[in-house]
Amino acid sequence: MHIDDKGGCMGVVPFIRKKKWTGALPRGALLFLQVMLGVGISTAAGAETQDCEATGRLIAKPEFGFEGESTGDMPAGFDTYGTVEVTAANRRAGHQAVRLARTASGQVVRMLGGFRDDQSGYGRAESGRLKLSLYVPADITVPVYVALFQDSYLAEMDRVIELAFMQDGTLRNRGPEGTGMVGSYQAGKWNDVELIWDGIANTGHYMLLVNGSLVDSRQQGSGYLPVEHKGKVPMLFELKYGANGAAASPDVYVDEISLRGPYESTGFDASLWKITLPDGDDRDTGWLLCDNTSPGEFYYKKDGSLIFKSPNIAGHTVGSKYSRSELREMLVGVDAGDGAENKTQGVTRNNWVLSTASDESQSAAGGVDGNLKATLKVENVSTTGRPDKIGRVVIGQIHASEDEPVRLYYRKLPGNTRGSIYLAQDIPGSDEENWQVLVGSRDDNATDPADGIRLGEPFSYEIKTQGHRLTVVIRRPGKPSVSKTVDLGTLYDSDWMYFKAGVYNQNNGCGDGADTDEDGKPDYDVPEKCSDSDYVQARFYSVKATHGRP
């Protein structure tokens, strides 16, 4: 049984990022010349900024949600060609989105923008993220293209990335040797698309997430897709619908677009989480919203990915023996305005319940049933300590009032090149646990799992509940997905829950066991043999929790 307790805030000197963007894109003649002639221009781009000291900067919110424009307007912040307009007919979130209409043969419809620099113009983003939500009907007759360019829209010279949403529901990436099928999308539904890159000119690759999961890259499980022109850096964005000579095709919709350069985005919505650091204490949602970090424990990479690191020997919460650098879900966070953000115990708006809970509990909770999706790579695990604890870390969980309906483990043993993934389910009211293996083995002396996951290998997981049914799915590039479903039974029906994600180190010892305790048994708690060199670390590219309503 694993029980957590929430601590107060201890002093940590934060590193605060204050970079802000302002301005608005002009439309018209200049960008027309650029599209037609490949002439580079510098124009302003923009969305609202927020003063962190006053309200917090919601660092994962979309730059462009299209809620401020009137229906029929061109989308603010973009240049457009063809029928591209704000509409309330279909949207991913809020009340409005943008419609791209291709009503005649041969039409090519474009929506154009770019990454902003400190001079309120366009600037190159050697690391960054593009996020958008895209609705592609099942009966399109021509592809939809998402592309990034360097200095102009000349494909032969400056195109860095081109991703095609094809008529048959497949995704095709254009690499240096041409286009190839890399995965699929959900035709006739909204798809959340995210392109992530870090030092792209040197690496020559990027990461693609569709609906919160890594796309099957067919690249020997690397988790990355090749760019078209290595050495180029994204500056300009294009959403294109259609091709010359092709027949008319039904409307396509786009919503919630973000174009973010280095350190300007993150893989989670900081307004909906707080974090526990290895000293055992919490930092609240406001701390995260102001872009605070704790060096060597929790910080961001240039592409917005989150680094969680926790040593074997550190602080811990009152109800646990292990250290952690771990997010705790807050369904209302700082947005409630009625004090609800401070209520984390019981059936409150910061917690959720199962759809098998009473109607009263469902009405009082912040959500009903849950879905947590994360994409990450485990970068380090412990290598010393007790044999039954070496190399293991919890990377995601559902926590209830006292028990944990699921803990998701990654474990790699010393000497093995690959790690395993398995889950544990607490049985309320007992010390029993239900263990299920998804990849490899959980044995303390397991051999190197042939299908295991290496340190530094990206993968995605999904934890979801539907009433008593709890399912965990592991998705890996180039490999079939694996899943396990367990029955929660009725014992959690009257309980309340929340998601957690990050690293929860499941090793609190160190040393090789050569020392002995007073009973003559191996001693793995020898202070002089403990150091910060034994730790767990993971890099999360994306973390997102969603819930239903009663």
Protein backbone atom coordinates (compact mmCIF):
# COMPACT_ATOMS: atom_id res chain seq x y z
CA MET A 1 0.00 0.00 0.00
CA HIS A 2 1.39 3.39 -1.00
CA ILE A 3 -0.02 6.42 0.81
CA ASP A 4 0.90 10.02 -0.02
CA ASP A 5 0.59 13.11 2.10
CA LYS A 6 0.78 16.65 0.84
CA GLY A 7 3.55 18.85 2.19
CA GLY A 8 4.05 22.59 2.46
CA CYS A 9 6.46 24.66 0.38
CA MET A 10 10.14 24.81 1.20
CA GLY A 11 12.44 27.47 -0.16
CA VAL A 12 13.83 26.76 -3.60
CA VAL A 13 15.60 29.40 -5.64
CA PRO A 14 13.64 29.37 -8.90
CA PHE A 15 14.90 30.02 -12.39
CA ILE A 16 12.20 32.14 -14.03
CA ARG A 17 11.81 32.60 -17.77
CA LYS A 18 10.30 36.00 -18.56
CA LYS A 19 10.38 35.96 -22.35
CA LYS A 20 7.21 37.41 -23.89
CA TRP A 21 5.85 37.91 -27.39
CA THR A 22 3.51 40.66 -28.61
CA GLY A 23 2.20 41.99 -31.89
CA ALA A 24 -0.11 40.99 -34.73
CA LEU A 25 0.49 39.68 -38.25
CA PRO A 26 -0.41 41.88 -41.22
CA ARG A 27 -2.03 40.28 -44.21
CA GLY A 28 -1.67 40.82 -47.92
CA ALA A 29 0.83 41.90 -50.49
CA LEU A 30 4.13 41.20 -48.75
CA LEU A 31 3.31 37.59 -47.97
CA PHE A 32 1.87 37.16 -51.47
CA LEU A 33 5.27 38.15 -52.88
CA GLN A 34 6.96 35.73 -50.52
CA VAL A 35 4.75 32.82 -51.54
CA MET A 36 5.05 33.55 -55.24
CA LEU A 37 8.71 34.60 -55.40
CA GLY A 38 10.30 33.04 -52.34
CA VAL A 39 11.21 36.46 -50.92
CA GLY A 40 11.90 36.43 -47.18
CA ILE A 41 9.99 39.01 -45.15
CA SER A 42 9.79 40.03 -41.52
CA THR A 43 6.29 40.46 -40.13
CA ALA A 44 4.90 40.63 -36.62
CA ALA A 45 3.06 37.71 -35.12
CA GLY A 46 1.02 37.62 -32.01
CA ALA A 47 -1.28 36.51 -29.29
CA GLU A 48 -2.07 37.92 -25.90
CA THR A 49 0.63 37.86 -23.23
CA GLN A 50 0.10 37.59 -19.53
CA ASP A 51 2.07 39.04 -16.64
CA CYS A 52 3.15 36.10 -14.55
CA GLU A 53 3.30 38.16 -11.37
CA ALA A 54 -0.34 39.10 -11.82
CA THR A 55 -2.09 36.08 -13.24
CA GLY A 56 0.49 33.51 -14.29
CA ARG A 57 1.46 32.69 -17.85
CA LEU A 58 -0.51 29.67 -19.03
CA ILE A 59 2.43 28.24 -20.91
CA ALA A 60 0.61 25.39 -22.64
CA LYS A 61 -2.44 27.32 -23.81
CA PRO A 62 -2.77 27.75 -27.59
CA GLU A 63 -1.60 31.02 -29.11
CA PHE A 64 -4.47 31.03 -31.56
CA GLY A 65 -7.86 29.75 -30.43
CA PHE A 66 -9.86 32.02 -32.79
CA GLU A 67 -12.35 33.01 -30.11
CA GLY A 68 -11.95 36.77 -30.51
CA GLU A 69 -12.81 37.06 -34.20
CA SER A 70 -16.25 37.29 -35.75
CA THR A 71 -17.65 34.47 -37.84
CA GLY A 72 -16.59 34.91 -41.45
CA ASP A 73 -13.42 36.88 -40.58
CA MET A 74 -9.99 35.84 -41.73
CA PRO A 75 -8.07 34.34 -38.79
CA ALA A 76 -6.04 37.01 -36.99
CA GLY A 77 -2.31 36.34 -37.01
CA PHE A 78 -2.26 34.54 -40.36
CA ASP A 79 -2.17 35.30 -44.06
CA THR A 80 -4.61 33.33 -46.14
CA TYR A 81 -5.21 32.34 -49.76
CA GLY A 82 -8.55 31.00 -50.87
CA THR A 83 -11.53 30.60 -48.55
CA VAL A 84 -10.09 30.53 -45.03
CA GLU A 85 -12.43 31.93 -42.38
CA VAL A 86 -13.46 31.75 -38.76
CA THR A 87 -16.54 29.59 -38.19
CA ALA A 88 -18.71 28.21 -35.42
CA ALA A 89 -19.80 25.24 -37.54
CA ASN A 90 -17.12 22.91 -36.15
CA ARG A 91 -14.49 23.41 -33.45
CA ARG A 92 -12.08 21.46 -31.25
CA ALA A 93 -12.53 23.66 -28.19
CA GLY A 94 -14.28 26.89 -27.29
CA HIS A 95 -16.86 28.23 -29.72
CA GLN A 96 -14.99 28.78 -32.98
CA ALA A 97 -12.34 27.35 -35.30
CA VAL A 98 -11.12 28.06 -38.83
CA ARG A 99 -12.61 26.57 -41.99
CA LEU A 100 -10.60 25.88 -45.13
CA ALA A 101 -13.05 25.54 -48.02
CA ARG A 102 -12.07 24.16 -51.40
CA THR A 103 -15.16 24.45 -53.55
CA ALA A 104 -13.79 24.19 -57.08
CA SER A 105 -11.39 22.03 -59.04
CA GLY A 106 -7.79 23.15 -58.98
CA GLN A 107 -8.07 25.33 -55.87
CA VAL A 108 -5.16 25.39 -53.43
CA VAL A 109 -6.11 26.90 -50.05
CA ARG A 110 -3.37 28.17 -47.72
CA MET A 111 -3.07 29.44 -44.17
CA LEU A 112 0.36 30.99 -43.49
CA GLY A 113 2.16 32.19 -40.37
CA GLY A 114 5.48 31.94 -38.59
CA PHE A 115 7.58 31.78 -35.44
CA ARG A 116 8.23 35.09 -33.74
CA ASP A 117 11.51 36.57 -32.60
CA ASP A 118 12.46 39.22 -30.07
CA GLN A 119 12.03 41.97 -32.66
CA SER A 120 8.34 41.11 -33.18
CA GLY A 121 9.14 39.64 -36.57
CA TYR A 122 9.68 36.12 -37.86
CA GLY A 123 12.63 34.24 -36.43
CA ARG A 124 14.12 30.79 -36.84
CA ALA A 125 13.24 28.21 -34.20
CA GLU A 126 16.12 25.73 -33.95
CA SER A 127 14.18 24.06 -31.14
CA GLY A 128 10.45 24.31 -30.62
CA ARG A 129 6.94 22.97 -31.09
CA LEU A 130 4.05 23.25 -33.49
CA LYS A 131 0.68 22.25 -32.06
CA LEU A 132 -2.64 22.25 -33.85
CA SER A 133 -5.94 20.42 -33.90
CA LEU A 134 -7.05 19.32 -37.35
CA TYR A 135 -10.37 17.95 -38.60
CA VAL A 136 -10.07 16.13 -41.93
CA PRO A 137 -13.27 14.61 -43.36
CA ALA A 138 -13.24 10.96 -44.35
CA ASP A 139 -14.17 11.77 -47.94
CA ILE A 140 -11.52 14.31 -48.94
CA THR A 141 -10.30 14.02 -52.53
CA VAL A 142 -6.93 15.72 -52.02
CA PRO A 143 -4.36 15.66 -49.20
CA VAL A 144 -3.97 18.23 -46.43
CA TYR A 145 -0.39 19.35 -45.79
CA VAL A 146 1.26 20.73 -42.64
CA ALA A 147 4.67 22.15 -43.45
CA LEU A 148 7.49 24.22 -41.94
CA PHE A 149 9.94 26.26 -44.00
CA GLN A 150 13.09 28.24 -43.29
CA ASP A 151 13.28 31.62 -45.07
CA SER A 152 10.77 31.24 -47.89
CA TYR A 153 7.99 28.95 -49.07
CA LEU A 154 10.16 27.52 -51.85
CA ALA A 155 9.82 23.76 -51.37
CA GLU A 156 12.95 22.79 -53.26
CA MET A 157 15.16 25.04 -51.16
CA ASP A 158 13.66 25.86 -47.77
CA ARG A 159 11.10 23.21 -46.80
CA VAL A 160 12.15 21.57 -43.53
CA ILE A 161 9.12 19.39 -42.72
CA GLU A 162 6.11 18.29 -44.74
CA LEU A 163 3.46 16.05 -43.23
CA ALA A 164 0.61 14.91 -45.48
CA PHE A 165 -2.83 13.79 -44.28
CA MET A 166 -3.84 11.48 -47.12
CA GLN A 167 -7.27 10.54 -48.49
CA ASP A 168 -6.96 6.96 -47.18
CA GLY A 169 -6.36 8.05 -43.55
CA THR A 170 -2.60 7.54 -43.62
CA LEU A 171 0.11 10.02 -42.71
CA ARG A 172 3.07 10.54 -45.02
CA ASN A 173 6.33 12.30 -44.13
CA ARG A 174 8.62 13.83 -46.72
CA GLY A 175 12.21 12.91 -45.97
CA PRO A 176 15.42 13.42 -47.97
CA GLU A 177 14.61 10.38 -50.14
CA GLY A 178 10.97 11.30 -50.81
CA THR A 179 7.68 10.62 -49.04
CA GLY A 180 6.81 7.56 -47.01
CA MET A 181 3.91 6.33 -44.91
CA VAL A 182 4.61 6.76 -41.20
CA GLY A 183 1.26 6.15 -39.53
CA SER A 184 -2.40 7.10 -39.59
CA TYR A 185 -4.88 9.64 -38.29
CA GLN A 186 -8.58 9.53 -37.40
CA ALA A 187 -10.50 10.66 -40.47
CA GLY A 188 -13.77 12.43 -39.72
CA LYS A 189 -12.61 13.34 -36.19
CA TRP A 190 -10.50 16.00 -34.53
CA ASN A 191 -6.82 15.06 -34.34
CA ASP A 192 -4.40 16.76 -31.94
CA VAL A 193 -1.10 17.04 -33.80
CA GLU A 194 2.22 18.02 -32.25
CA LEU A 195 5.62 18.39 -33.94
CA ILE A 196 8.59 18.64 -31.54
CA TRP A 197 12.23 19.28 -32.40
CA ASP A 198 15.46 20.13 -30.55
CA GLY A 199 18.51 21.36 -32.45
CA ILE A 200 16.87 20.34 -35.72
CA ALA A 201 19.61 21.66 -38.02
CA ASN A 202 22.09 19.23 -36.46
CA THR A 203 19.83 16.26 -35.70
CA GLY A 204 17.89 16.27 -38.96
CA HIS A 205 14.82 14.79 -37.29
CA TYR A 206 11.69 15.65 -35.32
CA MET A 207 9.15 13.88 -33.13
CA LEU A 208 5.48 13.56 -34.13
CA LEU A 209 2.62 13.03 -31.69
CA VAL A 210 -0.91 12.41 -32.92
CA ASN A 211 -3.63 12.34 -30.27
CA GLY A 212 -1.03 12.12 -27.52
CA SER A 213 0.90 9.13 -28.86
CA LEU A 214 4.09 8.71 -30.85
CA VAL A 215 3.43 8.03 -34.50
CA ASP A 216 4.76 4.72 -35.80
CA SER A 217 7.84 6.05 -37.56
CA ARG A 218 8.99 2.79 -39.18
CA GLN A 219 12.52 3.92 -38.28
CA GLN A 220 13.67 0.92 -36.23
CA GLY A 221 11.81 2.24 -33.20
CA SER A 222 13.77 5.49 -33.03
CA GLY A 223 10.68 7.59 -32.35
CA TYR A 224 11.84 10.26 -34.80
CA LEU A 225 11.01 11.25 -38.37
CA PRO A 226 13.59 12.61 -40.84
CA VAL A 227 13.34 16.18 -42.12
CA GLU A 228 13.45 16.92 -45.83
CA HIS A 229 16.44 19.27 -45.80
CA LYS A 230 18.91 18.76 -42.96
CA GLY A 231 20.69 21.93 -41.87
CA LYS A 232 17.54 24.04 -42.22
CA VAL A 233 15.69 25.65 -39.29
CA PRO A 234 11.88 26.24 -39.17
CA MET A 235 10.69 29.84 -39.41
CA LEU A 236 7.46 29.76 -41.45
CA PHE A 237 4.30 27.67 -41.14
CA GLU A 238 1.92 26.53 -43.87
CA LEU A 239 -1.35 24.64 -43.74
CA LYS A 240 -2.25 23.76 -47.33
CA TYR A 241 -5.34 22.05 -48.69
CA GLY A 242 -5.55 20.92 -52.27
CA ALA A 243 -3.51 20.51 -55.43
CA ASN A 244 -3.64 21.93 -58.91
CA GLY A 245 -6.17 20.20 -61.13
CA ALA A 246 -7.75 18.13 -58.34
CA ALA A 247 -11.53 17.95 -57.84
CA ALA A 248 -13.49 19.84 -55.20
CA SER A 249 -13.34 18.44 -51.67
CA PRO A 250 -15.24 18.90 -48.37
CA ASP A 251 -14.24 21.53 -45.80
CA VAL A 252 -11.27 21.04 -43.47
CA TYR A 253 -11.09 22.68 -40.02
CA VAL A 254 -8.19 23.75 -37.80
CA ASP A 255 -8.17 25.01 -34.21
CA GLU A 256 -5.84 25.71 -31.26
CA ILE A 257 -2.62 26.51 -33.13
CA SER A 258 0.63 27.18 -31.26
CA LEU A 259 3.95 28.09 -32.89
CA ARG A 260 6.60 28.16 -30.18
CA GLY A 261 10.37 28.57 -30.34
CA PRO A 262 13.05 27.59 -27.78
CA TYR A 263 11.79 27.60 -24.17
CA GLU A 264 8.45 29.06 -25.28
CA SER A 265 6.22 26.03 -24.76
CA THR A 266 5.93 23.01 -22.53
CA GLY A 267 4.53 19.53 -22.83
CA PHE A 268 1.81 20.09 -20.25
CA ASP A 269 -0.76 22.62 -19.07
CA ALA A 270 0.82 24.03 -15.92
CA SER A 271 -2.53 25.42 -14.74
CA LEU A 272 -3.79 21.89 -14.05
CA TRP A 273 -0.91 20.39 -12.04
CA LYS A 274 1.29 20.91 -9.01
CA ILE A 275 4.56 19.12 -8.30
CA THR A 276 6.31 17.30 -5.44
CA LEU A 277 10.11 17.58 -5.52
CA PRO A 278 12.75 15.32 -3.93
CA ASP A 279 12.76 17.32 -0.70
CA GLY A 280 9.30 15.83 -0.11
CA ASP A 281 7.33 19.08 -0.38
CA ASP A 282 4.90 20.46 -2.91
CA ARG A 283 5.21 23.47 -5.20
CA ASP A 284 1.76 24.64 -6.13
CA THR A 285 0.17 25.38 -9.48
CA GLY A 286 1.17 29.05 -9.31
CA TRP A 287 4.82 28.03 -8.95
CA LEU A 288 4.59 26.03 -12.15
CA LEU A 289 2.68 28.75 -13.98
CA CYS A 290 5.52 31.19 -13.40
CA ASP A 291 7.93 28.80 -15.14
CA ASN A 292 9.85 28.03 -11.99
CA THR A 293 12.31 25.15 -12.05
CA SER A 294 14.49 23.38 -9.51
CA PRO A 295 17.97 22.74 -10.95
CA GLY A 296 18.83 19.06 -11.13
CA GLU A 297 15.30 18.00 -10.12
CA PHE A 298 12.74 19.57 -12.47
CA TYR A 299 13.45 21.74 -15.49
CA TYR A 300 12.68 22.23 -19.19
CA LYS A 301 14.60 21.53 -22.39
CA LYS A 302 14.55 23.89 -25.36
CA ASP A 303 11.78 21.92 -27.07
CA GLY A 304 9.53 22.27 -24.02
CA SER A 305 10.02 18.73 -22.76
CA LEU A 306 10.09 18.28 -18.99
CA ILE A 307 13.01 16.69 -17.12
CA PHE A 308 12.16 14.91 -13.86
CA LYS A 309 15.07 13.67 -11.73
CA SER A 310 15.10 12.14 -8.25
CA PRO A 311 18.00 10.55 -6.32
CA ASN A 312 17.75 7.36 -4.27
CA ILE A 313 18.52 9.20 -1.06
CA ALA A 314 16.37 12.30 -0.59
CA GLY A 315 13.27 13.52 1.18
CA HIS A 316 9.85 11.94 0.87
CA THR A 317 6.25 12.62 1.71
CA VAL A 318 4.89 11.53 5.10
CA GLY A 319 3.15 8.42 3.78
CA SER A 320 5.99 7.18 1.56
CA LYS A 321 9.57 5.89 1.82
CA TYR A 322 10.68 7.03 -1.62
CA SER A 323 11.70 10.31 -3.22
CA ARG A 324 10.06 11.77 -6.29
CA SER A 325 9.91 14.56 -8.83
CA GLU A 326 6.30 14.08 -9.79
CA LEU A 327 3.28 16.06 -10.98
CA ARG A 328 -0.02 15.83 -9.13
CA GLU A 329 -3.17 16.53 -11.15
CA MET A 330 -5.26 19.57 -10.13
CA LEU A 331 -8.48 19.60 -12.13
CA VAL A 332 -9.32 23.22 -11.34
CA GLY A 333 -5.85 24.44 -10.42
CA VAL A 334 -5.86 28.23 -10.01
CA ASP A 335 -8.91 28.80 -12.19
CA ALA A 336 -11.73 28.13 -9.74
CA GLY A 337 -11.84 31.49 -7.98
CA ASP A 338 -13.75 30.04 -5.04
CA GLY A 339 -10.97 28.46 -3.00
CA ALA A 340 -11.49 25.09 -4.66
CA GLU A 341 -7.87 25.11 -5.83
CA ASN A 342 -6.78 24.53 -2.22
CA LYS A 343 -9.03 21.52 -1.65
CA THR A 344 -7.19 18.33 -2.57
CA GLN A 345 -8.66 15.84 -0.12
CA GLY A 346 -12.03 14.18 -0.60
CA VAL A 347 -14.56 14.42 -3.40
CA THR A 348 -13.67 17.93 -4.54
CA ARG A 349 -13.35 19.70 -7.86
CA ASN A 350 -9.61 18.90 -7.91
CA ASN A 351 -10.26 15.15 -7.91
CA TRP A 352 -12.32 12.77 -10.02
CA VAL A 353 -14.42 9.69 -9.47
CA LEU A 354 -15.42 6.62 -11.44
CA SER A 355 -18.61 6.59 -13.49
CA THR A 356 -19.78 3.84 -11.13
CA ALA A 357 -19.71 6.28 -8.20
CA SER A 358 -22.93 7.73 -6.80
CA ASP A 359 -24.67 10.57 -8.64
CA GLU A 360 -23.89 12.84 -5.69
CA SER A 361 -20.15 12.11 -5.91
CA GLN A 362 -20.10 12.57 -9.66
CA SER A 363 -21.76 15.97 -9.33
CA ALA A 364 -19.30 17.13 -6.65
CA ALA A 365 -16.13 15.88 -8.35
CA GLY A 366 -14.05 17.69 -10.97
CA GLY A 367 -14.49 14.91 -13.49
CA VAL A 368 -15.80 11.40 -14.10
CA ASP A 369 -13.49 8.61 -15.25
CA GLY A 370 -10.07 9.58 -16.55
CA ASN A 371 -7.59 9.31 -19.37
CA LEU A 372 -3.88 10.10 -18.97
CA LYS A 373 -1.60 10.13 -22.01
CA ALA A 374 2.14 10.71 -21.85
CA THR A 375 5.07 10.43 -24.23
CA LEU A 376 8.50 10.10 -22.63
CA LYS A 377 11.84 8.41 -22.50
CA VAL A 378 13.45 7.11 -19.30
CA GLU A 379 17.04 8.37 -19.32
CA ASN A 380 18.51 6.90 -16.12
CA VAL A 381 17.66 4.38 -13.40
CA SER A 382 19.37 3.37 -10.17
CA THR A 383 22.20 0.83 -10.30
CA THR A 384 22.93 0.17 -6.61
CA GLY A 385 20.86 -0.76 -3.59
CA ARG A 386 18.75 -3.75 -2.63
CA PRO A 387 18.40 -6.24 -5.50
CA ASP A 388 14.58 -6.07 -5.37
CA LYS A 389 14.64 -2.26 -5.77
CA ILE A 390 17.42 -1.62 -8.26
CA GLY A 391 16.46 0.04 -11.52
CA ARG A 392 12.76 0.61 -10.88
CA VAL A 393 10.76 3.82 -11.17
CA VAL A 394 7.04 4.65 -11.31
CA ILE A 395 6.34 6.86 -14.34
CA GLY A 396 2.57 7.29 -13.98
CA GLN A 397 -0.20 6.40 -11.58
CA ILE A 398 -3.74 6.89 -10.39
CA HIS A 399 -3.83 7.75 -6.71
CA ALA A 400 -6.93 7.35 -4.56
CA SER A 401 -7.51 8.42 -0.96
CA GLU A 402 -5.21 5.73 0.47
CA ASP A 403 -4.53 3.22 -2.27
CA GLU A 404 -3.37 3.32 -5.86
CA PRO A 405 -5.66 1.80 -8.49
CA VAL A 406 -2.59 1.63 -10.73
CA ARG A 407 1.15 2.31 -10.61
CA LEU A 408 3.02 2.02 -13.89
CA TYR A 409 6.65 0.90 -13.53
CA TYR A 410 9.68 1.01 -15.78
CA ARG A 411 12.58 -1.18 -14.65
CA LYS A 412 16.00 -1.89 -16.13
CA LEU A 413 18.47 -4.09 -14.29
CA PRO A 414 22.25 -3.52 -14.30
CA GLY A 415 23.85 -5.49 -17.10
CA ASN A 416 20.68 -5.47 -19.22
CA THR A 417 20.43 -3.20 -22.24
CA ARG A 418 16.62 -2.98 -22.15
CA GLY A 419 13.99 -2.38 -19.52
CA SER A 420 10.54 -3.75 -18.71
CA ILE A 421 7.16 -2.15 -18.06
CA TYR A 422 4.59 -3.53 -15.65
CA LEU A 423 1.76 -2.32 -13.45
CA ALA A 424 0.58 -2.81 -9.91
CA GLN A 425 -2.99 -2.48 -8.67
CA ASP A 426 -3.71 -2.03 -4.96
CA ILE A 427 -6.62 -3.99 -3.54
CA PRO A 428 -8.35 -1.64 -1.04
CA GLY A 429 -8.55 -2.83 2.55
CA SER A 430 -5.70 -5.34 2.18
CA ASP A 431 -1.99 -5.63 1.52
CA GLU A 432 -2.65 -7.49 -1.71
CA GLU A 433 -1.48 -6.20 -5.08
CA ASN A 434 -2.33 -7.32 -8.59
CA TRP A 435 0.76 -7.27 -10.83
CA GLN A 436 0.56 -7.35 -14.63
CA VAL A 437 3.50 -7.33 -17.05
CA LEU A 438 3.21 -5.41 -20.33
CA VAL A 439 6.80 -5.54 -21.61
CA GLY A 440 9.62 -7.85 -20.47
CA SER A 441 9.67 -9.20 -16.90
CA ARG A 442 9.46 -7.82 -13.35
CA ASP A 443 11.75 -10.50 -11.88
CA ASP A 444 14.73 -9.28 -9.83
CA ASN A 445 17.07 -11.48 -11.87
CA ALA A 446 15.38 -11.09 -15.27
CA THR A 447 17.48 -11.62 -18.36
CA ASP A 448 17.70 -8.86 -20.96
CA PRO A 449 14.15 -8.64 -22.40
CA ALA A 450 14.23 -9.02 -26.19
CA ASP A 451 11.20 -6.76 -26.56
CA GLY A 452 12.30 -4.33 -23.85
CA ILE A 453 12.70 -0.55 -23.95
CA ARG A 454 16.18 0.96 -23.83
CA LEU A 455 17.13 3.99 -21.79
CA GLY A 456 16.61 6.99 -24.05
CA GLU A 457 14.04 5.22 -26.24
CA PRO A 458 10.80 7.22 -26.65
CA PHE A 459 7.44 5.56 -26.03
CA SER A 460 3.90 6.54 -25.07
CA TYR A 461 1.55 5.26 -22.41
CA GLU A 462 -2.15 5.68 -21.82
CA ILE A 463 -3.98 5.00 -18.55
CA LYS A 464 -7.76 5.11 -18.80
CA THR A 465 -10.76 4.13 -16.74
CA GLN A 466 -14.33 3.42 -17.74
CA GLY A 467 -16.24 2.50 -14.64
CA HIS A 468 -14.66 -0.60 -13.14
CA ARG A 469 -12.56 -1.18 -16.25
CA LEU A 470 -8.97 0.13 -16.07
CA THR A 471 -6.73 -0.20 -19.14
CA VAL A 472 -3.05 0.59 -19.65
CA VAL A 473 -1.65 0.81 -23.19
CA ILE A 474 2.01 1.05 -24.22
CA ARG A 475 2.70 2.39 -27.72
CA ARG A 476 6.13 2.20 -29.34
CA PRO A 477 7.34 3.26 -32.79
CA GLY A 478 7.66 0.33 -35.14
CA LYS A 479 6.11 -2.18 -32.74
CA PRO A 480 2.57 -3.36 -31.99
CA SER A 481 0.83 -1.71 -29.05
CA VAL A 482 0.46 -3.79 -25.89
CA SER A 483 -2.25 -3.38 -23.26
CA LYS A 484 -3.58 -4.83 -20.03
CA THR A 485 -7.07 -4.39 -18.60
CA VAL A 486 -7.92 -5.00 -14.94
CA ASP A 487 -11.17 -4.96 -13.02
CA LEU A 488 -11.23 -2.37 -10.24
CA GLY A 489 -14.28 -3.96 -8.65
CA THR A 490 -16.68 -1.99 -6.47
CA LEU A 491 -14.22 -1.02 -3.71
CA TYR A 492 -13.21 2.19 -5.49
CA ASP A 493 -16.79 3.32 -6.19
CA SER A 494 -16.90 5.51 -3.07
CA ASP A 495 -13.31 6.78 -3.48
CA TRP A 496 -11.78 9.83 -5.16
CA MET A 497 -8.75 9.90 -7.44
CA TYR A 498 -6.16 11.95 -9.31
CA PHE A 499 -3.40 11.26 -11.84
CA LYS A 500 0.32 11.57 -11.20
CA ALA A 501 3.17 11.64 -13.74
CA GLY A 502 6.93 12.07 -13.53
CA VAL A 503 9.47 9.94 -11.67
CA TYR A 504 8.70 8.28 -8.34
CA ASN A 505 11.98 6.56 -7.44
CA GLN A 506 11.30 3.06 -6.09
CA ASN A 507 14.80 2.61 -4.66
CA ASN A 508 15.80 4.22 -1.37
CA GLY A 509 19.11 2.45 -0.85
CA CYS A 510 22.62 2.43 -2.25
CA GLY A 511 25.77 0.37 -2.19
CA ASP A 512 26.54 -3.18 -3.27
CA GLY A 513 25.59 -5.01 -0.07
CA ALA A 514 29.20 -5.69 0.94
CA ASP A 515 28.53 -4.00 4.29
CA THR A 516 26.34 -5.75 6.84
CA ASP A 517 23.91 -4.52 9.48
CA GLU A 518 23.79 -5.56 13.12
CA ASP A 519 22.01 -8.78 12.17
CA GLY A 520 24.70 -9.69 9.68
CA LYS A 521 22.48 -9.02 6.67
CA PRO A 522 23.56 -6.88 3.67
CA ASP A 523 23.22 -3.19 4.49
CA TYR A 524 22.10 -0.92 1.68
CA ASP A 525 21.82 2.19 3.81
CA VAL A 526 25.45 3.19 4.23
CA PRO A 527 25.59 7.01 4.06
CA GLU A 528 29.21 7.21 2.91
CA LYS A 529 28.32 5.04 -0.10
CA CYS A 530 25.29 7.11 -1.08
CA SER A 531 25.61 9.94 -3.55
CA ASP A 532 23.64 11.93 -6.07
CA SER A 533 25.13 9.76 -8.80
CA ASP A 534 22.45 7.11 -8.26
CA TYR A 535 19.11 8.49 -9.43
CA VAL A 536 16.18 8.10 -11.79
CA GLN A 537 15.46 10.53 -14.60
CA ALA A 538 12.88 10.79 -17.36
CA ARG A 539 12.16 13.28 -20.12
CA PHE A 540 8.43 13.83 -20.74
CA TYR A 541 7.53 15.33 -24.10
CA SER A 542 3.80 15.45 -23.42
CA VAL A 543 1.48 14.89 -20.44
CA LYS A 544 -2.27 15.35 -20.77
CA ALA A 545 -5.19 14.24 -18.58
CA THR A 546 -8.83 14.40 -19.67
CA HIS A 547 -12.11 13.52 -17.99
CA GLY A 548 -15.79 13.12 -18.73
CA ARG A 549 -18.75 14.68 -17.00
CA PRO A 550 -21.77 12.91 -15.42
